């Protein structure tokens, strides 16, 4: 992990009507995922959504804790925490 890596707390809701960033819940970002939590489908979708919203390549997004849980810790390489929060906030408003 470098100085510019962001580590975010994420809470996911699988099997939602549509995938979206739904704002903050406590200290964690709430992300709704259309995919079911089966065979890693929800985790794959989470990585894709975060990469798209944060404007980073998929390879720079890694689930570092909670792979089999709704509560996850995700590391995003090449972006700082403040920028990540700003971009996720912008995604909730759109």
Protein backbone atom coordinates (compact mmCIF):
# COMPACT_ATOMS: atom_id res chain seq x y z
CA UNK A 1 0.00 0.00 0.00
CA UNK A 2 1.36 3.39 -0.94
CA UNK A 3 0.62 6.78 0.54
CA UNK A 4 -1.85 7.50 -2.26
CA UNK A 5 -3.96 4.37 -1.70
CA UNK A 6 -7.45 4.82 -0.26
CA UNK A 7 -9.00 2.21 2.02
CA UNK A 8 -12.79 2.45 2.23
CA UNK A 9 -15.36 0.72 4.39
CA UNK A 10 -18.17 -0.59 2.16
CA UNK A 11 -21.53 -2.17 3.00
CA UNK A 12 -23.16 -3.99 0.09
CA UNK A 13 -26.78 -4.89 -0.54
CA UNK A 14 -26.88 -7.71 -3.12
CA UNK A 15 -29.89 -8.48 -5.33
CA UNK A 16 -30.96 -4.84 -5.55
CA UNK A 17 -33.18 -3.62 -8.41
CA UNK A 18 -30.21 -1.78 -9.88
CA UNK A 19 -26.60 -1.21 -8.94
CA UNK A 20 -25.78 2.18 -7.47
CA UNK A 21 -23.93 4.11 -4.79
CA UNK A 22 -26.56 4.81 -2.13
CA UNK A 23 -24.65 7.15 0.21
CA UNK A 24 -23.10 6.71 3.63
CA UNK A 25 -24.35 4.54 6.48
CA UNK A 26 -22.28 5.30 9.55
CA UNK A 27 -18.62 5.04 8.51
CA UNK A 28 -19.31 2.89 5.46
CA UNK A 29 -20.40 3.60 1.90
CA UNK A 30 -23.60 1.77 1.00
CA UNK A 31 -23.45 0.16 -2.44
CA UNK A 32 -26.48 -1.58 -3.93
CA UNK A 33 -25.58 -4.47 -6.27
CA UNK A 34 -27.88 -6.12 -8.77
CA UNK A 35 -25.78 -9.31 -8.68
CA UNK A 36 -26.51 -12.10 -6.18
CA UNK A 37 -23.86 -13.07 -3.61
CA UNK A 38 -23.14 -16.34 -5.43
CA UNK A 39 -19.79 -17.50 -6.84
CA UNK A 40 -18.22 -14.06 -6.32
CA UNK A 41 -20.66 -12.29 -8.67
CA UNK A 42 -21.44 -9.52 -6.17
CA UNK A 43 -17.75 -8.94 -5.45
CA UNK A 44 -16.98 -8.70 -9.18
CA UNK A 45 -19.78 -6.19 -9.65
CA UNK A 46 -18.59 -4.18 -6.65
CA UNK A 47 -15.08 -3.93 -8.11
CA UNK A 48 -16.51 -2.87 -11.48
CA UNK A 49 -18.77 -0.20 -10.01
CA UNK A 50 -16.05 1.25 -7.79
CA UNK A 51 -13.57 1.33 -10.68
CA UNK A 52 -16.07 3.13 -12.90
CA UNK A 53 -17.24 5.65 -10.28
CA UNK A 54 -13.73 6.38 -9.00
CA UNK A 55 -12.20 6.56 -12.48
CA UNK A 56 -9.50 3.95 -11.90
CA UNK A 57 -8.69 0.66 -13.67
CA UNK A 58 -10.31 -2.49 -12.22
CA UNK A 59 -6.87 -3.83 -11.33
CA UNK A 60 -6.45 -0.92 -8.86
CA UNK A 61 -9.52 -1.97 -6.81
CA UNK A 62 -9.04 -4.84 -4.34
CA UNK A 63 -11.24 -6.26 -1.60
CA UNK A 64 -8.85 -6.63 1.33
CA UNK A 65 -11.32 -7.78 4.00
CA UNK A 66 -14.85 -9.18 4.13
CA UNK A 67 -14.89 -11.02 0.83
CA UNK A 68 -17.70 -13.27 2.09
CA UNK A 69 -19.50 -10.59 4.11
CA UNK A 70 -21.71 -7.58 3.43
CA UNK A 71 -19.21 -5.44 5.33
CA UNK A 72 -16.05 -5.05 3.24
CA UNK A 73 -12.81 -3.12 3.27
CA UNK A 74 -11.66 -2.09 -0.20
CA UNK A 75 -8.29 -0.64 -1.22
CA UNK A 76 -8.09 1.63 -4.24
CA UNK A 77 -4.58 2.23 -5.55
CA UNK A 78 -3.53 5.59 -6.93
CA UNK A 79 -6.27 7.68 -5.30
CA UNK A 80 -6.47 9.33 -1.88
CA UNK A 81 -9.36 9.00 0.56
CA UNK A 82 -10.63 12.57 0.10
CA UNK A 83 -10.83 12.18 -3.68
CA UNK A 84 -12.55 8.80 -3.33
CA UNK A 85 -15.16 10.28 -0.98
CA UNK A 86 -15.74 13.23 -3.33
CA UNK A 87 -16.28 10.96 -6.34
CA UNK A 88 -18.57 8.58 -4.43
CA UNK A 89 -20.59 11.58 -3.14
CA UNK A 90 -20.96 12.86 -6.70
CA UNK A 91 -22.19 9.40 -7.79
CA UNK A 92 -24.93 9.45 -5.12
CA UNK A 93 -26.27 12.75 -6.42
CA UNK A 94 -26.47 11.59 -10.04
